[in-house]
Amino acid sequence: MARRLVLKVTCGADDAEKLSQALTVAATAVASGIDVSLWLTGDATWLAVPGRVPDLGLEGAAPLSSLVESVLAGGRTTVCTQCAARRGITTDDVASGVRVAGAASFLEEVLADDVQALVY
């Protein structure tokens, strides 16, 4: 069985380089055929809402919207329940296929066999 990647993003556009790095890793993993589960927490939850992906304007970096599209299309994306609620984001607001789940689901994923977890 191949290793799976669970990647948790805890920052938003206020930390543009970290956000870009996290999504670049996730999109690269998807493109490489790795089973990717992306968890969006804090201000990163906005990435799951259509029309809310910011243009970071980072020289040399892929556009964040392209990275997000890639991960949404080829991986699984989850938004933190509490983070969504604090921002008034509901399941009706997020992109198709994105789920809203909490800490128990995150722990279940990261503690499974053959999982590599990364946090940005």
C-alpha atoms as a PDB file:
ATOM      1  CA  MET A   1       0.000   0.000   0.000  1.00  0.00           C
ATOM      2  CA  ALA A   2       1.327   3.456  -0.897  1.00  0.00           C
ATOM      3  CA  ARG A   3       1.752   6.101   1.747  1.00  0.00           C
ATOM      4  CA  ARG A   4      -0.942   8.734   1.988  1.00  0.00           C
ATOM      5  CA  LEU A   5      -0.318  12.417   2.659  1.00  0.00           C
ATOM      6  CA  VAL A   6      -2.415  14.442   5.073  1.00  0.00           C
ATOM      7  CA  LEU A   7      -1.536  18.102   4.827  1.00  0.00           C
ATOM      8  CA  LYS A   8      -2.975  20.614   7.291  1.00  0.00           C
ATOM      9  CA  VAL A   9      -2.853  24.313   6.402  1.00  0.00           C
ATOM     10  CA  THR A  10      -3.270  26.705   9.325  1.00  0.00           C
ATOM     11  CA  CYS A  11      -2.600  30.075   7.686  1.00  0.00           C
ATOM     12  CA  GLY A  12      -4.235  32.376   5.203  1.00  0.00           C
ATOM     13  CA  ALA A  13      -3.091  35.141   2.890  1.00  0.00           C
ATOM     14  CA  ASP A  14      -1.524  36.934   5.854  1.00  0.00           C
ATOM     15  CA  ASP A  15       1.321  34.395   5.578  1.00  0.00           C
ATOM     16  CA  ALA A  16       1.472  34.216   1.787  1.00  0.00           C
ATOM     17  CA  GLU A  17       4.721  32.281   1.415  1.00  0.00           C
ATOM     18  CA  LYS A  18       3.700  29.572   3.870  1.00  0.00           C
ATOM     19  CA  LEU A  19       0.274  29.278   2.255  1.00  0.00           C
ATOM     20  CA  SER A  20       1.818  29.041  -1.214  1.00  0.00           C
ATOM     21  CA  GLN A  21       4.351  26.441  -0.065  1.00  0.00           C
ATOM     22  CA  ALA A  22       1.655  24.291   1.514  1.00  0.00           C
ATOM     23  CA  LEU A  23      -0.544  24.301  -1.584  1.00  0.00           C
ATOM     24  CA  THR A  24       2.452  23.749  -3.860  1.00  0.00           C
ATOM     25  CA  VAL A  25       3.349  20.621  -1.895  1.00  0.00           C
ATOM     26  CA  ALA A  26      -0.260  19.412  -1.964  1.00  0.00           C
ATOM     27  CA  ALA A  27      -0.672  20.044  -5.708  1.00  0.00           C
ATOM     28  CA  THR A  28       2.692  18.437  -6.481  1.00  0.00           C
ATOM     29  CA  ALA A  29       1.707  15.373  -4.479  1.00  0.00           C
ATOM     30  CA  VAL A  30      -1.617  15.118  -6.338  1.00  0.00           C
ATOM     31  CA  ALA A  31       0.191  15.460  -9.684  1.00  0.00           C
ATOM     32  CA  SER A  32       2.580  12.697  -8.570  1.00  0.00           C
ATOM     33  CA  GLY A  33      -0.292  10.304  -7.935  1.00  0.00           C
ATOM     34  CA  ILE A  34      -0.089  10.454  -4.149  1.00  0.00           C
ATOM     35  CA  ASP A  35      -3.316  10.061  -2.172  1.00  0.00           C
ATOM     36  CA  VAL A  36      -3.724  13.565  -0.673  1.00  0.00           C
ATOM     37  CA  SER A  37      -6.034  14.771   2.060  1.00  0.00           C
ATOM     38  CA  LEU A  38      -5.908  18.545   2.552  1.00  0.00           C
ATOM     39  CA  TRP A  39      -7.202  19.992   5.815  1.00  0.00           C
ATOM     40  CA  LEU A  40      -7.972  23.714   5.877  1.00  0.00           C
ATOM     41  CA  THR A  41      -8.012  25.431   9.270  1.00  0.00           C
ATOM     42  CA  GLY A  42      -7.932  29.018  10.481  1.00  0.00           C
ATOM     43  CA  ASP A  43      -8.015  31.529   7.641  1.00  0.00           C
ATOM     44  CA  ALA A  44      -7.106  28.772   5.181  1.00  0.00           C
ATOM     45  CA  THR A  45     -10.773  27.723   5.377  1.00  0.00           C
ATOM     46  CA  TRP A  46     -11.568  30.509   2.890  1.00  0.00           C
ATOM     47  CA  LEU A  47      -9.747  28.521   0.175  1.00  0.00           C
ATOM     48  CA  ALA A  48     -12.690  26.089   0.116  1.00  0.00           C
ATOM     49  CA  VAL A  49     -15.167  28.869  -0.719  1.00  0.00           C
ATOM     50  CA  PRO A  50     -15.511  29.547  -4.463  1.00  0.00           C
ATOM     51  CA  GLY A  51     -14.395  33.060  -5.328  1.00  0.00           C
ATOM     52  CA  ARG A  52     -12.419  33.521  -2.094  1.00  0.00           C
ATOM     53  CA  VAL A  53      -8.989  32.240  -3.202  1.00  0.00           C
ATOM     54  CA  PRO A  54      -6.674  35.268  -2.994  1.00  0.00           C
ATOM     55  CA  ASP A  55      -4.089  36.316  -5.552  1.00  0.00           C
ATOM     56  CA  LEU A  56      -0.925  36.228  -3.459  1.00  0.00           C
ATOM     57  CA  GLY A  57       1.195  37.906  -6.114  1.00  0.00           C
ATOM     58  CA  LEU A  58       4.279  35.902  -5.148  1.00  0.00           C
ATOM     59  CA  GLU A  59       7.012  36.138  -7.748  1.00  0.00           C
ATOM     60  CA  GLY A  60       8.019  32.718  -9.035  1.00  0.00           C
ATOM     61  CA  ALA A  61       5.054  30.959  -7.416  1.00  0.00           C
ATOM     62  CA  ALA A  62       2.191  29.272  -9.218  1.00  0.00           C
ATOM     63  CA  PRO A  63      -1.126  31.121  -8.869  1.00  0.00           C
ATOM     64  CA  LEU A  64      -2.864  29.956  -5.714  1.00  0.00           C
ATOM     65  CA  SER A  65      -6.129  29.462  -7.603  1.00  0.00           C
ATOM     66  CA  SER A  66      -4.445  26.908  -9.899  1.00  0.00           C
ATOM     67  CA  LEU A  67      -2.975  25.038  -6.950  1.00  0.00           C
ATOM     68  CA  VAL A  68      -6.312  24.953  -5.124  1.00  0.00           C
ATOM     69  CA  GLU A  69      -8.127  23.751  -8.276  1.00  0.00           C
ATOM     70  CA  SER A  70      -5.600  20.945  -8.678  1.00  0.00           C
ATOM     71  CA  VAL A  71      -5.994  19.724  -5.122  1.00  0.00           C
ATOM     72  CA  LEU A  72      -9.790  20.016  -5.185  1.00  0.00           C
ATOM     73  CA  ALA A  73      -9.867  17.963  -8.390  1.00  0.00           C
ATOM     74  CA  GLY A  74      -7.399  15.252  -7.417  1.00  0.00           C
ATOM     75  CA  GLY A  75      -7.390  15.021  -3.635  1.00  0.00           C
ATOM     76  CA  ARG A  76      -9.782  15.245  -0.726  1.00  0.00           C
ATOM     77  CA  THR A  77     -10.351  18.562   1.030  1.00  0.00           C
ATOM     78  CA  THR A  78     -11.757  19.071   4.497  1.00  0.00           C
ATOM     79  CA  VAL A  79     -12.573  22.297   6.320  1.00  0.00           C
ATOM     80  CA  CYS A  80     -12.346  22.408  10.110  1.00  0.00           C
ATOM     81  CA  THR A  81     -15.815  22.521  11.664  1.00  0.00           C
ATOM     82  CA  GLN A  82     -14.959  25.114  14.329  1.00  0.00           C
ATOM     83  CA  CYS A  83     -12.932  27.264  11.931  1.00  0.00           C
ATOM     84  CA  ALA A  84     -15.800  27.318   9.430  1.00  0.00           C
ATOM     85  CA  ALA A  85     -18.343  28.189  12.112  1.00  0.00           C
ATOM     86  CA  ARG A  86     -16.212  31.085  13.407  1.00  0.00           C
ATOM     87  CA  ARG A  87     -16.136  32.518   9.879  1.00  0.00           C
ATOM     88  CA  GLY A  88     -19.807  31.899   9.112  1.00  0.00           C
ATOM     89  CA  ILE A  89     -18.933  29.310   6.465  1.00  0.00           C
ATOM     90  CA  THR A  90     -21.506  26.554   6.011  1.00  0.00           C
ATOM     91  CA  THR A  91     -21.529  23.361   3.970  1.00  0.00           C
ATOM     92  CA  ASP A  92     -23.574  25.272   1.368  1.00  0.00           C
ATOM     93  CA  ASP A  93     -20.712  27.766   0.965  1.00  0.00           C
ATOM     94  CA  VAL A  94     -17.854  25.392   0.199  1.00  0.00           C
ATOM     95  CA  ALA A  95     -16.863  23.997  -3.197  1.00  0.00           C
ATOM     96  CA  SER A  96     -18.424  20.772  -4.386  1.00  0.00           C
ATOM     97  CA  GLY A  97     -16.788  17.744  -2.788  1.00  0.00           C
ATOM     98  CA  VAL A  98     -15.352  19.634   0.196  1.00  0.00           C
ATOM     99  CA  ARG A  99     -16.433  18.269   3.537  1.00  0.00           C
ATOM    100  CA  VAL A 100     -16.628  19.975   6.914  1.00  0.00           C
ATOM    101  CA  ALA A 101     -15.326  17.817   9.781  1.00  0.00           C
ATOM    102  CA  GLY A 102     -13.709  18.097  13.177  1.00  0.00           C
ATOM    103  CA  ALA A 103     -10.749  16.991  15.227  1.00  0.00           C
ATOM    104  CA  ALA A 104     -11.878  13.371  15.602  1.00  0.00           C
ATOM    105  CA  SER A 105     -11.850  12.919  11.813  1.00  0.00           C
ATOM    106  CA  PHE A 106      -8.447  14.607  11.545  1.00  0.00           C
ATOM    107  CA  LEU A 107      -6.993  12.311  14.218  1.00  0.00           C
ATOM    108  CA  GLU A 108      -8.453   9.257  12.533  1.00  0.00           C
ATOM    109  CA  GLU A 109      -6.699  10.197   9.293  1.00  0.00           C
ATOM    110  CA  VAL A 110      -3.299  11.124  10.691  1.00  0.00           C
ATOM    111  CA  LEU A 111      -3.075   8.124  13.011  1.00  0.00           C
ATOM    112  CA  ALA A 112      -3.823   5.591  10.278  1.00  0.00           C
ATOM    113  CA  ASP A 113      -1.097   3.281   9.018  1.00  0.00           C
ATOM    114  CA  ASP A 114       1.031   4.468   6.100  1.00  0.00           C
ATOM    115  CA  VAL A 115       0.180   8.160   6.556  1.00  0.00           C
ATOM    116  CA  GLN A 116       2.604  11.064   6.453  1.00  0.00           C
ATOM    117  CA  ALA A 117       1.183  14.199   8.050  1.00  0.00           C
ATOM    118  CA  LEU A 118       2.526  17.696   7.383  1.00  0.00           C
ATOM    119  CA  VAL A 119       1.376  20.922   9.021  1.00  0.00           C
ATOM    120  CA  TYR A 120       1.943  24.371   7.559  1.00  0.00           C
END
